Amino acid sequence: MNRPTLLIAGASGAAATRVLEQAQASDGFNVVGLSRNRPERAGDWVEADLTDATSLAQALSSRRDVTHIVYASRAPHGETGVEDVAANVAMLRNLLDAAEASLPHFAHLHMIHGGKWYGLHLGPFRTPAREDDPRHMPPNFYYDQQDLVAARQLGKSWSWTASRPNFVLDVAPGRARNIASTLGAYAAICRELRVPFDFPGKEGAWTALHEVTDAALLAQGVLWMIQEAGCANRAFNLTNGDAFRWCDLWPFLAQRFDVPPGRPRPMAMRALMADKEPVWERVRQRHGLALPLSQVASWEFADFFLNMDYDVIASMTAMRNAGFTGFVDSWAMFDSQIEGYRAARVLPPVGAFATPGN
């Protein structure tokens, strides 16, 4: 029997990169990436624009071997929380139309969604959040996408699943919208200016419970989910499985970044860091770092993830009951990713900052 073929839409993006790598490393699938532009050193790939239904249909008609699809694309967005419903639904609809028309062995569609399903971008919500909790007041494109897919699947032979990670973290040089690299750049600037590593979020966020999802764990969970019959036509939270408070983690991060930990001091990072490019350039030149600040840190993103002054926790009970046992220690993950960014010459090495008189 031929191996199934997995198509990953948005394969070069933050949520899908590790899915692609893990799938390629396994013996379970032939793997095909899909994005508007083919990345350098890409393997089997389809170049297609999800917003162009005609060209997308033509592209998929040449890959009739595809059996499974992981959908990890989303329309461009800022950090306002509310994303473009019409654009996000149209892209998924175009892909689903093409799949049903052109893929005779189409068996499964997986959607990578996220914690915004529960309205974490709007304010407090019931925690630990469960997959069947009531929806918040729309708009929320996740709702429209899942409703579209669930309605189209009725009476069909194919099935669907959805994962709901929360703040996906990875070592991804050049992708500024990342918690570890953004905090690392902030710490390096603090150390260069000889000021403490103050926590710039709201005071309530300092003590609230938070969670994240390691990108490798997300990949593991997605690949497990699309092959597990008991997961069909269901959505699952997918996080590291633990929780932390910034008040506990912050001193640990300060130690790893080699900077005094400071205290809670609410600050708008987008405004405060707007003139810090020259400071970063001094650090960059001194230590031969690879990237400009704009490719290392997103201050707009920092203002988002550091200012949720309420618990952000999703229940992993449904995944556990379904049989998934994956888990990541978030503290160890931060430690490992900091080292990963140093090895990639994105963050400066420990003990290698400016000293008084330099």
Protein backbone atom coordinates (compact mmCIF):
# COMPACT_ATOMS: atom_id res chain seq x y z
CA MET A 1 0.00 0.00 0.00
CA ASN A 2 1.33 3.42 -0.93
CA ARG A 3 2.15 5.83 1.86
CA PRO A 4 -0.34 8.67 2.33
CA THR A 5 0.75 12.10 1.13
CA LEU A 6 0.54 15.06 3.49
CA LEU A 7 0.16 18.56 2.06
CA ILE A 8 1.05 21.38 4.46
CA ALA A 9 -0.51 24.70 3.47
CA GLY A 10 1.48 27.62 4.83
CA ALA A 11 4.43 25.27 5.31
CA SER A 12 7.01 28.04 5.69
CA GLY A 13 5.10 29.77 8.49
CA ALA A 14 5.63 29.76 12.24
CA ALA A 15 3.09 27.10 13.12
CA ALA A 16 3.89 24.66 10.31
CA THR A 17 7.67 24.55 10.03
CA ARG A 18 8.14 21.85 12.68
CA VAL A 19 5.13 19.92 11.36
CA LEU A 20 6.86 19.76 8.00
CA GLU A 21 10.18 18.69 9.51
CA GLN A 22 8.73 16.02 11.76
CA ALA A 23 6.57 14.62 8.99
CA GLN A 24 9.58 14.44 6.66
CA ALA A 25 11.59 12.65 9.35
CA SER A 26 8.90 10.03 9.88
CA ASP A 27 8.06 7.05 7.72
CA GLY A 28 4.34 7.76 7.85
CA PHE A 29 3.89 10.27 5.03
CA ASN A 30 5.19 11.59 1.79
CA VAL A 31 5.33 15.33 2.49
CA VAL A 32 4.55 18.27 0.21
CA GLY A 33 4.79 21.92 1.22
CA LEU A 34 2.55 24.64 -0.15
CA SER A 35 3.12 28.39 -0.05
CA ARG A 36 3.06 31.37 -2.39
CA ASN A 37 6.84 31.23 -2.83
CA ARG A 38 9.10 28.20 -2.68
CA PRO A 39 11.68 28.56 0.14
CA GLU A 40 15.35 27.92 -0.51
CA ARG A 41 16.38 24.28 -0.10
CA ALA A 42 12.74 23.21 0.00
CA GLY A 43 11.86 19.62 -0.79
CA ASP A 44 8.72 18.56 -2.60
CA TRP A 45 6.75 21.79 -2.95
CA VAL A 46 3.70 23.37 -4.55
CA GLU A 47 3.75 27.10 -5.29
CA ALA A 48 0.22 28.42 -5.03
CA ASP A 49 -1.65 31.46 -3.75
CA LEU A 50 -4.49 30.52 -1.40
CA THR A 51 -6.30 33.74 -2.32
CA ASP A 52 -6.42 32.76 -6.01
CA ALA A 53 -8.97 29.97 -6.35
CA THR A 54 -8.22 29.26 -10.01
CA SER A 55 -4.44 28.91 -9.69
CA LEU A 56 -4.83 26.94 -6.48
CA ALA A 57 -7.16 24.46 -8.16
CA GLN A 58 -4.69 24.06 -11.03
CA ALA A 59 -1.81 23.49 -8.60
CA LEU A 60 -3.65 20.82 -6.62
CA SER A 61 -4.84 19.04 -9.77
CA SER A 62 -1.19 18.11 -10.39
CA ARG A 63 -0.93 16.48 -6.94
CA ARG A 64 -3.70 13.91 -7.02
CA ASP A 65 -1.71 11.75 -4.57
CA VAL A 66 -2.46 14.09 -1.64
CA THR A 67 -4.53 12.39 1.07
CA HIS A 68 -4.10 14.62 4.13
CA ILE A 69 -3.88 18.41 4.49
CA VAL A 70 -2.62 20.49 7.39
CA TYR A 71 -3.88 24.06 7.05
CA ALA A 72 -1.62 26.55 8.86
CA SER A 73 -2.15 29.75 6.88
CA ARG A 74 -3.73 33.00 7.96
CA ALA A 75 -4.29 36.41 6.47
CA PRO A 76 -1.89 39.22 7.48
CA HIS A 77 -2.80 40.74 10.84
CA GLY A 78 -1.58 43.02 13.59
CA GLU A 79 -1.87 42.63 17.34
CA THR A 80 -5.36 44.08 17.70
CA GLY A 81 -6.74 40.61 18.37
CA VAL A 82 -9.51 40.76 15.78
CA GLU A 83 -8.38 39.24 12.48
CA ASP A 84 -9.81 39.38 8.96
CA VAL A 85 -12.69 36.89 8.93
CA ALA A 86 -13.57 37.17 5.25
CA ALA A 87 -10.00 36.73 4.02
CA ASN A 88 -9.24 33.81 6.32
CA VAL A 89 -12.44 31.98 5.43
CA ALA A 90 -11.94 32.59 1.69
CA MET A 91 -8.44 31.08 1.71
CA LEU A 92 -9.59 27.94 3.49
CA ARG A 93 -12.66 27.64 1.27
CA ASN A 94 -10.49 27.89 -1.84
CA LEU A 95 -8.27 25.08 -0.57
CA LEU A 96 -11.21 22.89 0.41
CA ASP A 97 -12.90 23.47 -2.95
CA ALA A 98 -9.72 22.45 -4.75
CA ALA A 99 -9.20 19.42 -2.53
CA GLU A 100 -12.71 18.08 -3.05
CA ALA A 101 -12.53 18.69 -6.80
CA SER A 102 -9.02 17.44 -7.51
CA LEU A 103 -7.93 14.94 -4.84
CA PRO A 104 -9.59 11.56 -5.32
CA HIS A 105 -8.04 10.13 -2.14
CA PHE A 106 -8.62 13.16 0.10
CA ALA A 107 -9.08 11.75 3.61
CA HIS A 108 -8.42 14.43 6.23
CA LEU A 109 -8.08 18.19 6.84
CA HIS A 110 -6.43 19.57 9.95
CA MET A 111 -6.69 23.25 10.93
CA ILE A 112 -4.17 24.88 13.28
CA HIS A 113 -6.15 27.43 15.27
CA GLY A 114 -5.27 28.86 18.69
CA GLY A 115 -6.18 30.22 22.08
CA LYS A 116 -8.03 33.17 20.57
CA TRP A 117 -10.88 30.68 20.18
CA TYR A 118 -11.62 31.43 23.85
CA GLY A 119 -11.28 35.20 23.49
CA LEU A 120 -7.96 35.56 25.30
CA HIS A 121 -7.35 38.64 23.14
CA LEU A 122 -10.54 40.26 24.49
CA GLY A 123 -10.20 39.73 28.23
CA PRO A 124 -10.74 37.17 30.99
CA PHE A 125 -12.40 33.88 30.13
CA ARG A 126 -13.30 30.72 32.03
CA THR A 127 -10.23 28.63 32.82
CA PRO A 128 -9.06 25.99 32.27
CA ALA A 129 -10.80 26.51 28.93
CA ARG A 130 -12.44 23.42 27.46
CA GLU A 131 -13.08 22.76 23.80
CA ASP A 132 -16.87 22.85 24.20
CA ASP A 133 -17.01 26.13 26.15
CA PRO A 134 -19.50 28.70 24.81
CA ARG A 135 -18.15 30.95 22.10
CA HIS A 136 -17.47 34.62 22.72
CA MET A 137 -19.16 37.41 20.81
CA PRO A 138 -17.84 37.31 17.22
CA PRO A 139 -16.00 38.15 15.03
CA ASN A 140 -13.58 35.26 15.29
CA PHE A 141 -12.42 33.64 12.05
CA TYR A 142 -11.71 30.35 13.82
CA TYR A 143 -15.45 29.93 14.35
CA ASP A 144 -16.26 30.60 10.71
CA GLN A 145 -13.56 28.26 9.47
CA GLN A 146 -14.59 25.36 11.70
CA ASP A 147 -18.26 25.88 10.86
CA LEU A 148 -17.43 25.88 7.15
CA VAL A 149 -15.43 22.66 7.36
CA ALA A 150 -17.91 20.87 9.66
CA ALA A 151 -20.80 21.70 7.34
CA ARG A 152 -18.90 20.58 4.23
CA GLN A 153 -17.83 17.31 5.87
CA LEU A 154 -21.35 16.06 6.61
CA GLY A 155 -22.00 12.92 4.60
CA LYS A 156 -18.45 12.88 3.18
CA SER A 157 -15.79 10.21 3.49
CA TRP A 158 -13.10 12.63 4.65
CA SER A 159 -12.77 13.94 8.22
CA TRP A 160 -11.30 16.97 9.96
CA THR A 161 -9.52 17.92 13.19
CA ALA A 162 -8.37 21.22 14.69
CA SER A 163 -5.63 22.03 17.19
CA ARG A 164 -5.69 25.00 19.54
CA PRO A 165 -2.15 25.82 20.67
CA ASN A 166 -1.37 28.98 22.61
CA PHE A 167 1.61 31.25 21.86
CA VAL A 168 3.70 28.88 19.74
CA LEU A 169 7.40 29.22 20.62
CA ASP A 170 10.29 28.07 18.46
CA VAL A 171 13.87 28.89 17.56
CA ALA A 172 13.09 30.69 14.33
CA PRO A 173 15.79 33.24 13.38
CA GLY A 174 14.33 36.09 11.35
CA ARG A 175 10.82 35.67 12.74
CA ALA A 176 10.45 38.57 15.17
CA ARG A 177 7.01 37.57 16.48
CA ASN A 178 8.44 35.21 19.07
CA ILE A 179 8.43 35.47 22.85
CA ALA A 180 11.95 34.14 23.48
CA SER A 181 13.76 36.30 20.92
CA THR A 182 11.75 39.42 21.79
CA LEU A 183 12.51 39.10 25.50
CA GLY A 184 16.13 38.31 24.70
CA ALA A 185 16.51 41.47 22.65
CA TYR A 186 14.84 43.51 25.39
CA ALA A 187 17.22 42.03 27.98
CA ALA A 188 20.26 42.74 25.81
CA ILE A 189 19.20 46.37 25.42
CA CYS A 190 18.61 46.67 29.18
CA ARG A 191 22.08 45.28 29.86
CA GLU A 192 23.69 47.55 27.31
CA LEU A 193 22.04 50.58 28.91
CA ARG A 194 22.83 49.27 32.43
CA VAL A 195 19.21 49.30 33.54
CA PRO A 196 17.28 46.48 35.22
CA PHE A 197 15.23 43.96 33.26
CA ASP A 198 11.91 45.39 34.45
CA PHE A 199 8.70 43.53 33.67
CA PRO A 200 6.92 45.96 31.32
CA GLY A 201 3.43 44.42 31.44
CA LYS A 202 0.45 45.10 33.66
CA GLU A 203 0.82 44.30 37.34
CA GLY A 204 -2.01 41.77 37.12
CA ALA A 205 -0.17 39.95 34.33
CA TRP A 206 2.84 39.57 36.66
CA THR A 207 0.96 37.11 38.88
CA ALA A 208 -1.59 35.58 36.48
CA LEU A 209 -1.14 32.03 35.18
CA HIS A 210 0.06 31.68 31.59
CA GLU A 211 0.87 28.87 29.18
CA VAL A 212 2.65 28.37 25.87
CA THR A 213 3.09 25.69 23.22
CA ASP A 214 6.46 24.43 22.05
CA ALA A 215 6.47 24.22 18.23
CA ALA A 216 7.92 20.70 18.25
CA LEU A 217 5.17 19.53 20.61
CA LEU A 218 2.56 21.13 18.36
CA ALA A 219 3.97 19.19 15.42
CA GLN A 220 3.94 15.97 17.39
CA GLY A 221 0.34 16.51 18.43
CA VAL A 222 -0.88 17.47 14.96
CA LEU A 223 0.71 14.43 13.30
CA TRP A 224 -0.73 12.17 16.00
CA MET A 225 -4.17 13.73 15.70
CA ILE A 226 -4.55 13.34 11.94
CA GLN A 227 -3.80 9.62 12.20
CA GLU A 228 -5.93 8.86 15.27
CA ALA A 229 -9.40 7.72 14.26
CA GLY A 230 -10.88 8.73 17.62
CA CYS A 231 -9.98 12.37 16.98
CA ALA A 232 -12.05 12.68 13.80
CA ASN A 233 -14.27 15.75 13.51
CA ARG A 234 -13.11 17.23 16.82
CA ALA A 235 -10.97 20.12 18.06
CA PHE A 236 -8.33 19.80 20.78
CA ASN A 237 -6.35 22.19 22.96
CA LEU A 238 -2.63 21.56 22.51
CA THR A 239 -0.29 23.27 24.97
CA ASN A 240 2.84 22.30 26.89
CA GLY A 241 0.64 20.98 29.68
CA ASP A 242 2.03 23.17 32.47
CA ALA A 243 1.66 26.80 33.52
CA PHE A 244 3.85 29.60 34.85
CA ARG A 245 3.60 33.04 36.39
CA TRP A 246 5.86 35.78 35.10
CA CYS A 247 6.73 36.68 38.69
CA ASP A 248 8.35 33.23 39.02
CA LEU A 249 9.81 32.90 35.53
CA TRP A 250 11.15 36.46 35.20
CA PRO A 251 14.11 36.09 37.61
CA PHE A 252 15.05 32.85 35.86
CA LEU A 253 14.98 34.60 32.47
CA ALA A 254 17.00 37.51 33.87
CA GLN A 255 19.63 35.06 35.09
CA ARG A 256 19.75 33.35 31.70
CA PHE A 257 20.05 36.72 29.96
CA ASP A 258 22.70 37.89 32.50
CA VAL A 259 20.84 41.05 33.52
CA PRO A 260 19.41 42.26 36.89
CA PRO A 261 15.76 41.15 37.08
CA GLY A 262 14.08 44.46 37.93
CA ARG A 263 10.43 44.76 38.98
CA PRO A 264 6.97 45.22 37.46
CA ARG A 265 6.86 48.59 35.73
CA PRO A 266 4.10 48.88 33.11
CA MET A 267 5.47 50.39 29.92
CA ALA A 268 4.26 50.52 26.33
CA MET A 269 7.06 48.65 24.60
CA ARG A 270 6.10 49.73 21.11
CA ALA A 271 6.70 53.36 22.10
CA LEU A 272 9.54 52.82 24.56
CA MET A 273 11.68 50.74 22.20
CA ALA A 274 11.04 52.80 19.07
CA ASP A 275 14.41 54.56 19.36
CA LYS A 276 16.51 51.58 20.54
CA GLU A 277 17.76 50.38 17.16
CA PRO A 278 21.15 52.14 17.65
CA VAL A 279 21.56 50.43 21.04
CA TRP A 280 20.90 47.04 19.49
CA GLU A 281 23.34 47.83 16.67
CA ARG A 282 26.11 48.41 19.22
CA VAL A 283 25.38 44.99 20.73
CA ARG A 284 25.11 43.44 17.30
CA GLN A 285 28.40 44.83 16.03
CA ARG A 286 30.30 43.96 19.19
CA HIS A 287 29.25 40.31 19.13
CA GLY A 288 28.80 39.70 15.42
CA LEU A 289 25.07 39.05 15.68
CA ALA A 290 23.31 38.11 12.49
CA LEU A 291 20.09 40.12 12.43
CA PRO A 292 18.78 43.67 12.80
CA LEU A 293 16.39 44.38 15.64
CA SER A 294 13.34 44.34 13.37
CA GLN A 295 13.98 40.64 12.68
CA VAL A 296 14.57 39.71 16.31
CA ALA A 297 11.87 41.47 18.36
CA SER A 298 8.27 42.55 17.89
CA TRP A 299 7.43 45.18 20.48
CA GLU A 300 3.80 45.23 19.39
CA PHE A 301 3.67 41.50 20.13
CA ALA A 302 5.35 42.10 23.51
CA ASP A 303 2.63 44.58 24.43
CA PHE A 304 0.12 41.83 23.67
CA PHE A 305 1.61 38.82 25.47
CA LEU A 306 2.86 40.72 28.54
CA ASN A 307 -0.40 42.52 29.31
CA MET A 308 -2.95 39.76 29.87
CA ASP A 309 -3.74 40.41 33.52
CA TYR A 310 -5.88 37.28 33.84
CA ASP A 311 -5.26 33.54 33.72
CA VAL A 312 -4.70 32.09 30.25
CA ILE A 313 -5.02 28.32 30.68
CA ALA A 314 -6.56 25.67 28.43
CA SER A 315 -7.47 22.18 29.60
CA MET A 316 -5.51 19.30 28.07
CA THR A 317 -8.01 16.73 29.37
CA ALA A 318 -9.56 16.00 25.98
CA MET A 319 -6.17 15.28 24.40
CA ARG A 320 -5.13 13.10 27.34
CA ASN A 321 -8.38 11.14 27.20
CA ALA A 322 -7.89 10.62 23.48
CA GLY A 323 -4.47 9.10 24.18
CA PHE A 324 -1.92 11.88 23.59
CA THR A 325 0.82 11.92 26.23
CA GLY A 326 3.17 14.62 24.91
CA PHE A 327 4.40 17.20 27.42
CA VAL A 328 7.03 19.95 27.57
CA ASP A 329 8.52 21.64 30.64
CA SER A 330 8.07 25.31 29.75
CA TRP A 331 10.99 26.49 31.88
CA ALA A 332 13.31 24.00 30.17
CA MET A 333 11.88 25.05 26.81
CA PHE A 334 12.72 28.72 27.43
CA ASP A 335 16.23 27.73 28.52
CA SER A 336 16.76 25.59 25.42
CA GLN A 337 15.40 28.20 23.04
CA ILE A 338 17.56 30.95 24.51
CA GLU A 339 20.58 28.75 23.85
CA GLY A 340 19.29 28.06 20.36
CA TYR A 341 19.09 31.76 19.57
CA ARG A 342 22.60 32.26 20.91
CA ALA A 343 23.93 29.42 18.79
CA ALA A 344 22.30 31.03 15.75
CA ARG A 345 24.01 34.36 16.61
CA VAL A 346 20.68 36.09 17.10
CA LEU A 347 21.15 36.84 20.83
CA PRO A 348 24.47 37.75 22.47
CA PRO A 349 26.33 35.16 24.55
CA VAL A 350 26.03 35.19 28.33
CA GLY A 351 28.60 37.32 30.13
CA ALA A 352 29.41 39.22 26.95
CA PHE A 353 27.67 42.55 27.42
CA ALA A 354 29.12 46.02 27.72
CA THR A 355 30.83 46.80 31.02
CA PRO A 356 31.14 50.19 32.72
CA GLY A 357 33.76 52.26 31.00
CA ASN A 358 33.36 50.58 27.59
